[in-house]
Amino acid sequence: MQYRIREEGATVLVSLDGQLNFAANEDFQSLLIKLTSSKNRQVVFDMSGLSHIDSVGLGLLYIAREDLTDAGSTICLAHPRETVFRMLELTEAQKTFEIRR
């Protein structure tokens, strides 16, 4: 997984590329450290570049939500590809996350 961070006013846009899975764990943890320093922001994960997400990747998003909420920020998942959206839908992630198609 690769990521890019872009700040737009009170919003932090994080573009994710590749696969969000166990192999992405260290990179995602590094990303979280950077994001939690930005308090009281809206963090939007642009998922249009993700080709795959598995249960570990989904778990990383839940950790991100918890850490960012503790820092006073909100989280949104945006533009998931159909395969990624199906995983989010199957796990009822819409009950926890704002998902923008």
PDB file of N, CA and C in Angstrom:
ATOM      1  N   MET A   1       0.838  -1.171   0.000  1.00  0.00           N
ATOM      2  CA  MET A   1       0.000   0.000   0.000  1.00  0.00           C
ATOM      3  C   MET A   1       0.889   1.243   0.000  1.00  0.00           C
ATOM      4  N   GLN A   2       0.496   2.201  -0.794  1.00  0.00           N
ATOM      5  CA  GLN A   2       1.127   3.508  -0.791  1.00  0.00           C
ATOM      6  C   GLN A   2       0.061   4.535  -0.430  1.00  0.00           C
ATOM      7  N   TYR A   3       0.503   5.684   0.081  1.00  0.00           N
ATOM      8  CA  TYR A   3      -0.450   6.735   0.405  1.00  0.00           C
ATOM      9  C   TYR A   3       0.155   8.103   0.128  1.00  0.00           C
ATOM     10  N   ARG A   4      -0.730   9.051  -0.079  1.00  0.00           N
ATOM     11  CA  ARG A   4      -0.368  10.454  -0.236  1.00  0.00           C
ATOM     12  C   ARG A   4      -1.299  11.259   0.655  1.00  0.00           C
ATOM     13  N   ILE A   5      -0.758  12.266   1.307  1.00  0.00           N
ATOM     14  CA  ILE A   5      -1.551  13.120   2.194  1.00  0.00           C
ATOM     15  C   ILE A   5      -1.575  14.524   1.600  1.00  0.00           C
ATOM     16  N   ARG A   6      -2.774  15.087   1.528  1.00  0.00           N
ATOM     17  CA  ARG A   6      -2.935  16.462   1.041  1.00  0.00           C
ATOM     18  C   ARG A   6      -3.896  17.187   1.978  1.00  0.00           C
ATOM     19  N   GLU A   7      -3.498  18.350   2.444  1.00  0.00           N
ATOM     20  CA  GLU A   7      -4.360  19.132   3.325  1.00  0.00           C
ATOM     21  C   GLU A   7      -5.128  20.153   2.505  1.00  0.00           C
ATOM     22  N   GLU A   8      -6.427  20.243   2.783  1.00  0.00           N
ATOM     23  CA  GLU A   8      -7.318  21.186   2.111  1.00  0.00           C
ATOM     24  C   GLU A   8      -8.153  21.874   3.176  1.00  0.00           C
ATOM     25  N   GLY A   9      -7.640  22.942   3.755  1.00  0.00           N
ATOM     26  CA  GLY A   9      -8.355  23.631   4.824  1.00  0.00           C
ATOM     27  C   GLY A   9      -8.465  22.744   6.046  1.00  0.00           C
ATOM     28  N   ALA A  10      -9.699  22.511   6.494  1.00  0.00           N
ATOM     29  CA  ALA A  10      -9.934  21.679   7.681  1.00  0.00           C
ATOM     30  C   ALA A  10     -10.006  20.193   7.344  1.00  0.00           C
ATOM     31  N   THR A  11      -9.750  19.842   6.094  1.00  0.00           N
ATOM     32  CA  THR A  11      -9.830  18.457   5.647  1.00  0.00           C
ATOM     33  C   THR A  11      -8.441  17.936   5.300  1.00  0.00           C
ATOM     34  N   VAL A  12      -8.196  16.700   5.689  1.00  0.00           N
ATOM     35  CA  VAL A  12      -6.970  16.000   5.294  1.00  0.00           C
ATOM     36  C   VAL A  12      -7.394  14.885   4.351  1.00  0.00           C
ATOM     37  N   LEU A  13      -6.935  14.948   3.115  1.00  0.00           N
ATOM     38  CA  LEU A  13      -7.266  13.942   2.119  1.00  0.00           C
ATOM     39  C   LEU A  13      -6.113  12.945   2.027  1.00  0.00           C
ATOM     40  N   VAL A  14      -6.426  11.681   2.271  1.00  0.00           N
ATOM     41  CA  VAL A  14      -5.432  10.612   2.221  1.00  0.00           C
ATOM     42  C   VAL A  14      -5.791   9.688   1.064  1.00  0.00           C
ATOM     43  N   SER A  15      -4.959   9.678   0.036  1.00  0.00           N
ATOM     44  CA  SER A  15      -5.188   8.796  -1.105  1.00  0.00           C
ATOM     45  C   SER A  15      -4.454   7.487  -0.851  1.00  0.00           C
ATOM     46  N   LEU A  16      -5.197   6.387  -0.891  1.00  0.00           N
ATOM     47  CA  LEU A  16      -4.630   5.050  -0.671  1.00  0.00           C
ATOM     48  C   LEU A  16      -4.548   4.322  -2.001  1.00  0.00           C
ATOM     49  N   ASP A  17      -3.409   3.661  -2.243  1.00  0.00           N
ATOM     50  CA  ASP A  17      -3.208   2.905  -3.473  1.00  0.00           C
ATOM     51  C   ASP A  17      -2.701   1.512  -3.147  1.00  0.00           C
ATOM     52  N   GLY A  18      -3.073   0.544  -3.985  1.00  0.00           N
ATOM     53  CA  GLY A  18      -2.587  -0.824  -3.807  1.00  0.00           C
ATOM     54  C   GLY A  18      -3.565  -1.674  -3.033  1.00  0.00           C
ATOM     55  N   GLN A  19      -3.032  -2.410  -2.052  1.00  0.00           N
ATOM     56  CA  GLN A  19      -3.848  -3.332  -1.268  1.00  0.00           C
ATOM     57  C   GLN A  19      -3.740  -2.987   0.209  1.00  0.00           C
ATOM     58  N   LEU A  20      -4.893  -2.936   0.875  1.00  0.00           N
ATOM     59  CA  LEU A  20      -4.913  -2.702   2.318  1.00  0.00           C
ATOM     60  C   LEU A  20      -5.111  -4.062   2.985  1.00  0.00           C
ATOM     61  N   ASN A  21      -3.987  -4.653   3.420  1.00  0.00           N
ATOM     62  CA  ASN A  21      -3.994  -5.990   4.004  1.00  0.00           C
ATOM     63  C   ASN A  21      -2.870  -6.085   5.034  1.00  0.00           C
ATOM     64  N   PHE A  22      -2.556  -7.288   5.462  1.00  0.00           N
ATOM     65  CA  PHE A  22      -1.543  -7.488   6.504  1.00  0.00           C
ATOM     66  C   PHE A  22      -0.200  -6.873   6.114  1.00  0.00           C
ATOM     67  N   ALA A  23       0.163  -6.979   4.859  1.00  0.00           N
ATOM     68  CA  ALA A  23       1.444  -6.438   4.393  1.00  0.00           C
ATOM     69  C   ALA A  23       1.512  -4.918   4.525  1.00  0.00           C
ATOM     70  N   ALA A  24       0.364  -4.266   4.598  1.00  0.00           N
ATOM     71  CA  ALA A  24       0.307  -2.806   4.705  1.00  0.00           C
ATOM     72  C   ALA A  24       0.336  -2.319   6.150  1.00  0.00           C
ATOM     73  N   ASN A  25       0.375  -3.220   7.109  1.00  0.00           N
ATOM     74  CA  ASN A  25       0.246  -2.869   8.517  1.00  0.00           C
ATOM     75  C   ASN A  25       1.247  -1.794   8.960  1.00  0.00           C
ATOM     76  N   GLU A  26       2.528  -1.980   8.699  1.00  0.00           N
ATOM     77  CA  GLU A  26       3.543  -1.014   9.150  1.00  0.00           C
ATOM     78  C   GLU A  26       3.351   0.346   8.490  1.00  0.00           C
ATOM     79  N   ASP A  27       3.109   0.357   7.181  1.00  0.00           N
ATOM     80  CA  ASP A  27       2.900   1.625   6.480  1.00  0.00           C
ATOM     81  C   ASP A  27       1.666   2.346   7.012  1.00  0.00           C
ATOM     82  N   PHE A  28       0.610   1.583   7.286  1.00  0.00           N
ATOM     83  CA  PHE A  28      -0.617   2.199   7.785  1.00  0.00           C
ATOM     84  C   PHE A  28      -0.414   2.757   9.188  1.00  0.00           C
ATOM     85  N   GLN A  29       0.349   2.058  10.021  1.00  0.00           N
ATOM     86  CA  GLN A  29       0.632   2.564  11.366  1.00  0.00           C
ATOM     87  C   GLN A  29       1.430   3.865  11.286  1.00  0.00           C
ATOM     88  N   SER A  30       2.376   3.960  10.355  1.00  0.00           N
ATOM     89  CA  SER A  30       3.130   5.205  10.149  1.00  0.00           C
ATOM     90  C   SER A  30       2.204   6.334   9.710  1.00  0.00           C
ATOM     91  N   LEU A  31       1.273   6.000   8.836  1.00  0.00           N
ATOM     92  CA  LEU A  31       0.282   6.974   8.386  1.00  0.00           C
ATOM     93  C   LEU A  31      -0.544   7.480   9.564  1.00  0.00           C
ATOM     94  N   LEU A  32      -0.980   6.574  10.426  1.00  0.00           N
ATOM     95  CA  LEU A  32      -1.792   6.963  11.581  1.00  0.00           C
ATOM     96  C   LEU A  32      -1.052   7.916  12.510  1.00  0.00           C
ATOM     97  N   ILE A  33       0.222   7.682  12.706  1.00  0.00           N
ATOM     98  CA  ILE A  33       1.017   8.574  13.551  1.00  0.00           C
ATOM     99  C   ILE A  33       0.994   9.983  12.975  1.00  0.00           C
ATOM    100  N   LYS A  34       1.137  10.107  11.667  1.00  0.00           N
ATOM    101  CA  LYS A  34       1.088  11.427  11.019  1.00  0.00           C
ATOM    102  C   LYS A  34      -0.301  12.056  11.163  1.00  0.00           C
ATOM    103  N   LEU A  35      -1.340  11.247  11.007  1.00  0.00           N
ATOM    104  CA  LEU A  35      -2.702  11.781  11.022  1.00  0.00           C
ATOM    105  C   LEU A  35      -3.165  12.196  12.410  1.00  0.00           C
ATOM    106  N   THR A  36      -2.762  11.489  13.438  1.00  0.00           N
ATOM    107  CA  THR A  36      -3.246  11.827  14.783  1.00  0.00           C
ATOM    108  C   THR A  36      -2.632  13.123  15.301  1.00  0.00           C
ATOM    109  N   SER A  37      -1.586  13.598  14.646  1.00  0.00           N
ATOM    110  CA  SER A  37      -1.037  14.904  15.043  1.00  0.00           C
ATOM    111  C   SER A  37      -1.918  16.038  14.526  1.00  0.00           C
ATOM    112  N   SER A  38      -2.779  15.754  13.561  1.00  0.00           N
ATOM    113  CA  SER A  38      -3.723  16.742  13.031  1.00  0.00           C
ATOM    114  C   SER A  38      -5.039  16.599  13.780  1.00  0.00           C
ATOM    115  N   LYS A  39      -5.188  17.361  14.825  1.00  0.00           N
ATOM    116  CA  LYS A  39      -6.382  17.243  15.667  1.00  0.00           C
ATOM    117  C   LYS A  39      -7.542  18.058  15.093  1.00  0.00           C
ATOM    118  N   ASN A  40      -8.749  17.579  15.397  1.00  0.00           N
ATOM    119  CA  ASN A  40      -9.989  18.287  15.032  1.00  0.00           C
ATOM    120  C   ASN A  40     -10.091  18.567  13.539  1.00  0.00           C
ATOM    121  N   ARG A  41      -9.828  17.553  12.734  1.00  0.00           N
ATOM    122  CA  ARG A  41      -9.910  17.679  11.282  1.00  0.00           C
ATOM    123  C   ARG A  41     -10.865  16.614  10.755  1.00  0.00           C
ATOM    124  N   GLN A  42     -11.281  16.772   9.535  1.00  0.00           N
ATOM    125  CA  GLN A  42     -11.976  15.686   8.863  1.00  0.00           C
ATOM    126  C   GLN A  42     -10.939  14.970   8.013  1.00  0.00           C
ATOM    127  N   VAL A  43     -10.813  13.672   8.220  1.00  0.00           N
ATOM    128  CA  VAL A  43      -9.868  12.859   7.450  1.00  0.00           C
ATOM    129  C   VAL A  43     -10.675  12.038   6.450  1.00  0.00           C
ATOM    130  N   VAL A  44     -10.384  12.245   5.176  1.00  0.00           N
ATOM    131  CA  VAL A  44     -11.071  11.537   4.101  1.00  0.00           C
ATOM    132  C   VAL A  44     -10.074  10.575   3.469  1.00  0.00           C
ATOM    133  N   PHE A  45     -10.382   9.291   3.555  1.00  0.00           N
ATOM    134  CA  PHE A  45      -9.572   8.277   2.898  1.00  0.00           C
ATOM    135  C   PHE A  45     -10.133   8.062   1.502  1.00  0.00           C
ATOM    136  N   ASP A  46      -9.400   8.512   0.473  1.00  0.00           N
ATOM    137  CA  ASP A  46      -9.800   8.275  -0.912  1.00  0.00           C
ATOM    138  C   ASP A  46      -9.347   6.862  -1.267  1.00  0.00           C
ATOM    139  N   MET A  47     -10.323   5.977  -1.426  1.00  0.00           N
ATOM    140  CA  MET A  47     -10.043   4.559  -1.640  1.00  0.00           C
ATOM    141  C   MET A  47     -10.099   4.167  -3.111  1.00  0.00           C
ATOM    142  N   SER A  48     -10.182   5.153  -4.005  1.00  0.00           N
ATOM    143  CA  SER A  48     -10.323   4.833  -5.431  1.00  0.00           C
ATOM    144  C   SER A  48      -9.105   4.093  -5.987  1.00  0.00           C
ATOM    145  N   GLY A  49      -7.949   4.225  -5.345  1.00  0.00           N
ATOM    146  CA  GLY A  49      -6.746   3.537  -5.801  1.00  0.00           C
ATOM    147  C   GLY A  49      -6.518   2.188  -5.156  1.00  0.00           C
ATOM    148  N   LEU A  50      -7.408   1.790  -4.239  1.00  0.00           N
ATOM    149  CA  LEU A  50      -7.265   0.479  -3.589  1.00  0.00           C
ATOM    150  C   LEU A  50      -7.872  -0.606  -4.472  1.00  0.00           C
ATOM    151  N   SER A  51      -7.078  -1.612  -4.769  1.00  0.00           N
ATOM    152  CA  SER A  51      -7.589  -2.715  -5.574  1.00  0.00           C
ATOM    153  C   SER A  51      -8.145  -3.842  -4.709  1.00  0.00           C
ATOM    154  N   HIS A  52      -7.760  -3.871  -3.416  1.00  0.00           N
ATOM    155  CA  HIS A  52      -8.171  -4.977  -2.552  1.00  0.00           C
ATOM    156  C   HIS A  52      -8.109  -4.537  -1.092  1.00  0.00           C
ATOM    157  N   ILE A  53      -9.060  -5.031  -0.309  1.00  0.00           N
ATOM    158  CA  ILE A  53      -9.022  -4.880   1.140  1.00  0.00           C
ATOM    159  C   ILE A  53      -9.466  -6.208   1.738  1.00  0.00           C
ATOM    160  N   ASP A  54      -8.777  -6.638   2.800  1.00  0.00           N
ATOM    161  CA  ASP A  54      -9.186  -7.871   3.462  1.00  0.00           C
ATOM    162  C   ASP A  54      -9.570  -7.543   4.902  1.00  0.00           C
ATOM    163  N   SER A  55      -9.782  -8.574   5.710  1.00  0.00           N
ATOM    164  CA  SER A  55     -10.235  -8.348   7.085  1.00  0.00           C
ATOM    165  C   SER A  55      -9.200  -7.590   7.906  1.00  0.00           C
ATOM    166  N   VAL A  56      -7.924  -7.810   7.656  1.00  0.00           N
ATOM    167  CA  VAL A  56      -6.883  -7.065   8.375  1.00  0.00           C
ATOM    168  C   VAL A  56      -6.935  -5.594   7.972  1.00  0.00           C
ATOM    169  N   GLY A  57      -7.086  -5.326   6.682  1.00  0.00           N
ATOM    170  CA  GLY A  57      -7.198  -3.952   6.212  1.00  0.00           C
ATOM    171  C   GLY A  57      -8.404  -3.250   6.801  1.00  0.00           C
ATOM    172  N   LEU A  58      -9.503  -3.971   6.886  1.00  0.00           N
ATOM    173  CA  LEU A  58     -10.699  -3.409   7.511  1.00  0.00           C
ATOM    174  C   LEU A  58     -10.438  -3.107   8.985  1.00  0.00           C
ATOM    175  N   GLY A  59      -9.737  -4.006   9.655  1.00  0.00           N
ATOM    176  CA  GLY A  59      -9.370  -3.778  11.049  1.00  0.00           C
ATOM    177  C   GLY A  59      -8.505  -2.536  11.209  1.00  0.00           C
ATOM    178  N   LEU A  60      -7.618  -2.294  10.255  1.00  0.00           N
ATOM    179  CA  LEU A  60      -6.778  -1.091  10.300  1.00  0.00           C
ATOM    180  C   LEU A  60      -7.633   0.176  10.204  1.00  0.00           C
ATOM    181  N   LEU A  61      -8.682   0.114   9.390  1.00  0.00           N
ATOM    182  CA  LEU A  61      -9.578   1.274   9.287  1.00  0.00           C
ATOM    183  C   LEU A  61     -10.321   1.518  10.599  1.00  0.00           C
ATOM    184  N   TYR A  62     -10.707   0.449  11.280  1.00  0.00           N
ATOM    185  CA  TYR A  62     -11.374   0.607  12.578  1.00  0.00           C
ATOM    186  C   TYR A  62     -10.410   1.183  13.620  1.00  0.00           C
ATOM    187  N   ILE A  63      -9.158   0.764  13.578  1.00  0.00           N
ATOM    188  CA  ILE A  63      -8.147   1.346  14.474  1.00  0.00           C
ATOM    189  C   ILE A  63      -7.972   2.823  14.153  1.00  0.00           C
ATOM    190  N   ALA A  64      -7.917   3.157  12.864  1.00  0.00           N
ATOM    191  CA  ALA A  64      -7.787   4.556  12.455  1.00  0.00           C
ATOM    192  C   ALA A  64      -8.960   5.377  12.975  1.00  0.00           C
ATOM    193  N   ARG A  65     -10.155   4.826  12.854  1.00  0.00           N
ATOM    194  CA  ARG A  65     -11.341   5.549  13.339  1.00  0.00           C
ATOM    195  C   ARG A  65     -11.231   5.827  14.826  1.00  0.00           C
ATOM    196  N   GLU A  66     -10.824   4.819  15.588  1.00  0.00           N
ATOM    197  CA  GLU A  66     -10.698   4.993  17.036  1.00  0.00           C
ATOM    198  C   GLU A  66      -9.630   6.031  17.380  1.00  0.00           C
ATOM    199  N   ASP A  67      -8.463   5.913  16.769  1.00  0.00           N
ATOM    200  CA  ASP A  67      -7.368   6.850  17.049  1.00  0.00           C
ATOM    201  C   ASP A  67      -7.715   8.271  16.632  1.00  0.00           C
ATOM    202  N   LEU A  68      -8.320   8.417  15.470  1.00  0.00           N
ATOM    203  CA  LEU A  68      -8.643   9.757  14.972  1.00  0.00           C
ATOM    204  C   LEU A  68      -9.789  10.380  15.759  1.00  0.00           C
ATOM    205  N   THR A  69     -10.763   9.571  16.155  1.00  0.00           N
ATOM    206  CA  THR A  69     -11.849  10.087  16.979  1.00  0.00           C
ATOM    207  C   THR A  69     -11.315  10.574  18.317  1.00  0.00           C
ATOM    208  N   ASP A  70     -10.373   9.814  18.893  1.00  0.00           N
ATOM    209  CA  ASP A  70      -9.749  10.235  20.153  1.00  0.00           C
ATOM    210  C   ASP A  70      -9.010  11.561  19.990  1.00  0.00           C
ATOM    211  N   ALA A  71      -8.521  11.852  18.771  1.00  0.00           N
ATOM    212  CA  ALA A  71      -7.823  13.103  18.496  1.00  0.00           C
ATOM    213  C   ALA A  71      -8.791  14.217  18.094  1.00  0.00           C
ATOM    214  N   GLY A  72     -10.102  13.934  18.142  1.00  0.00           N
ATOM    215  CA  GLY A  72     -11.098  14.946  17.819  1.00  0.00           C
ATOM    216  C   GLY A  72     -11.421  15.067  16.346  1.00  0.00           C
ATOM    217  N   SER A  73     -10.953  14.137  15.539  1.00  0.00           N
ATOM    218  CA  SER A  73     -11.187  14.190  14.099  1.00  0.00           C
ATOM    219  C   SER A  73     -12.331  13.260  13.705  1.00  0.00           C
ATOM    220  N   THR A  74     -12.845  13.460  12.509  1.00  0.00           N
ATOM    221  CA  THR A  74     -13.842  12.567  11.939  1.00  0.00           C
ATOM    222  C   THR A  74     -13.207  11.850  10.759  1.00  0.00           C
ATOM    223  N   ILE A  75     -13.813  10.747  10.349  1.00  0.00           N
ATOM    224  CA  ILE A  75     -13.249   9.941   9.266  1.00  0.00           C
ATOM    225  C   ILE A  75     -14.334   9.627   8.245  1.00  0.00           C
ATOM    226  N   CYS A  76     -13.914   9.612   6.999  1.00  0.00           N
ATOM    227  CA  CYS A  76     -14.820   9.292   5.901  1.00  0.00           C
ATOM    228  C   CYS A  76     -14.068   8.404   4.917  1.00  0.00           C
ATOM    229  N   LEU A  77     -14.753   7.412   4.378  1.00  0.00           N
ATOM    230  CA  LEU A  77     -14.195   6.552   3.340  1.00  0.00           C
ATOM    231  C   LEU A  77     -14.837   6.969   2.018  1.00  0.00           C
ATOM    232  N   ALA A  78     -14.019   7.327   1.042  1.00  0.00           N
ATOM    233  CA  ALA A  78     -14.566   7.881  -0.197  1.00  0.00           C
ATOM    234  C   ALA A  78     -14.129   7.072  -1.414  1.00  0.00           C
ATOM    235  N   HIS A  79     -15.047   6.933  -2.339  1.00  0.00           N
ATOM    236  CA  HIS A  79     -14.821   6.382  -3.685  1.00  0.00           C
ATOM    237  C   HIS A  79     -14.208   4.989  -3.725  1.00  0.00           C
ATOM    238  N   PRO A  80     -14.706   4.039  -2.918  1.00  0.00           N
ATOM    239  CA  PRO A  80     -14.156   2.685  -3.015  1.00  0.00           C
ATOM    240  C   PRO A  80     -14.546   2.032  -4.340  1.00  0.00           C
ATOM    241  N   ARG A  81     -13.619   1.283  -4.906  1.00  0.00           N
ATOM    242  CA  ARG A  81     -13.939   0.482  -6.090  1.00  0.00           C
ATOM    243  C   ARG A  81     -14.986  -0.557  -5.709  1.00  0.00           C
ATOM    244  N   GLU A  82     -15.593  -1.151  -6.700  1.00  0.00           N
ATOM    245  CA  GLU A  82     -16.693  -2.087  -6.455  1.00  0.00           C
ATOM    246  C   GLU A  82     -16.264  -3.246  -5.557  1.00  0.00           C
ATOM    247  N   THR A  83     -15.079  -3.826  -5.789  1.00  0.00           N
ATOM    248  CA  THR A  83     -14.643  -4.964  -4.969  1.00  0.00           C
ATOM    249  C   THR A  83     -14.412  -4.547  -3.517  1.00  0.00           C
ATOM    250  N   VAL A  84     -13.860  -3.373  -3.322  1.00  0.00           N
ATOM    251  CA  VAL A  84     -13.628  -2.864  -1.962  1.00  0.00           C
ATOM    252  C   VAL A  84     -14.965  -2.519  -1.318  1.00  0.00           C
ATOM    253  N   PHE A  85     -15.864  -1.907  -2.079  1.00  0.00           N
ATOM    254  CA  PHE A  85     -17.172  -1.549  -1.543  1.00  0.00           C
ATOM    255  C   PHE A  85     -17.937  -2.797  -1.100  1.00  0.00           C
ATOM    256  N   ARG A  86     -17.818  -3.890  -1.870  1.00  0.00           N
ATOM    257  CA  ARG A  86     -18.501  -5.129  -1.493  1.00  0.00           C
ATOM    258  C   ARG A  86     -18.036  -5.627  -0.126  1.00  0.00           C
ATOM    259  N   MET A  87     -16.742  -5.538   0.140  1.00  0.00           N
ATOM    260  CA  MET A  87     -16.217  -5.950   1.449  1.00  0.00           C
ATOM    261  C   MET A  87     -16.773  -5.043   2.539  1.00  0.00           C
ATOM    262  N   LEU A  88     -16.824  -3.747   2.289  1.00  0.00           N
ATOM    263  CA  LEU A  88     -17.376  -2.807   3.268  1.00  0.00           C
ATOM    264  C   LEU A  88     -18.854  -3.100   3.508  1.00  0.00           C
ATOM    265  N   GLU A  89     -19.555  -3.414   2.431  1.00  0.00           N
ATOM    266  CA  GLU A  89     -20.984  -3.705   2.528  1.00  0.00           C
ATOM    267  C   GLU A  89     -21.241  -5.012   3.287  1.00  0.00           C
ATOM    268  N   LEU A  90     -20.468  -6.048   2.969  1.00  0.00           N
ATOM    269  CA  LEU A  90     -20.636  -7.349   3.621  1.00  0.00           C
ATOM    270  C   LEU A  90     -20.388  -7.284   5.124  1.00  0.00           C
ATOM    271  N   THR A  91     -19.487  -6.417   5.525  1.00  0.00           N
ATOM    272  CA  THR A  91     -19.135  -6.297   6.945  1.00  0.00           C
ATOM    273  C   THR A  91     -19.927  -5.191   7.641  1.00  0.00           C
ATOM    274  N   GLU A  92     -20.889  -4.619   6.905  1.00  0.00           N
ATOM    275  CA  GLU A  92     -21.756  -3.557   7.432  1.00  0.00           C
ATOM    276  C   GLU A  92     -20.962  -2.362   7.969  1.00  0.00           C
ATOM    277  N   ALA A  93     -19.894  -2.038   7.266  1.00  0.00           N
ATOM    278  CA  ALA A  93     -19.038  -0.917   7.678  1.00  0.00           C
ATOM    279  C   ALA A  93     -19.784   0.413   7.636  1.00  0.00           C
ATOM    280  N   GLN A  94     -20.850   0.502   6.841  1.00  0.00           N
ATOM    281  CA  GLN A  94     -21.613   1.746   6.761  1.00  0.00           C
ATOM    282  C   GLN A  94     -22.269   2.105   8.091  1.00  0.00           C
ATOM    283  N   LYS A  95     -22.372   1.138   8.999  1.00  0.00           N
ATOM    284  CA  LYS A  95     -22.918   1.432  10.328  1.00  0.00           C
ATOM    285  C   LYS A  95     -21.909   2.188  11.185  1.00  0.00           C
ATOM    286  N   THR A  96     -20.636   2.121  10.814  1.00  0.00           N
ATOM    287  CA  THR A  96     -19.576   2.743  11.590  1.00  0.00           C
ATOM    288  C   THR A  96     -18.950   3.930  10.846  1.00  0.00           C
ATOM    289  N   PHE A  97     -18.835   3.830   9.539  1.00  0.00           N
ATOM    290  CA  PHE A  97     -18.147   4.840   8.746  1.00  0.00           C
ATOM    291  C   PHE A  97     -19.118   5.582   7.829  1.00  0.00           C
ATOM    292  N   GLU A  98     -18.806   6.814   7.573  1.00  0.00           N
ATOM    293  CA  GLU A  98     -19.457   7.521   6.469  1.00  0.00           C
ATOM    294  C   GLU A  98     -18.754   7.045   5.204  1.00  0.00           C
ATOM    295  N   ILE A  99     -19.526   6.538   4.249  1.00  0.00           N
ATOM    296  CA  ILE A  99     -18.952   6.048   2.997  1.00  0.00           C
ATOM    297  C   ILE A  99     -19.553   6.860   1.858  1.00  0.00           C
ATOM    298  N   ARG A 100     -18.681   7.511   1.109  1.00  0.00           N
ATOM    299  CA  ARG A 100     -19.110   8.290  -0.068  1.00  0.00           C
ATOM    300  C   ARG A 100     -18.735   7.514  -1.312  1.00  0.00           C
ATOM    301  N   ARG A 101     -19.730   7.222  -2.112  1.00  0.00           N
ATOM    302  CA  ARG A 101     -19.483   6.476  -3.366  1.00  0.00           C
ATOM    303  C   ARG A 101     -19.120   7.462  -4.412  1.00  0.00           C
TER     304      ARG A 101
END
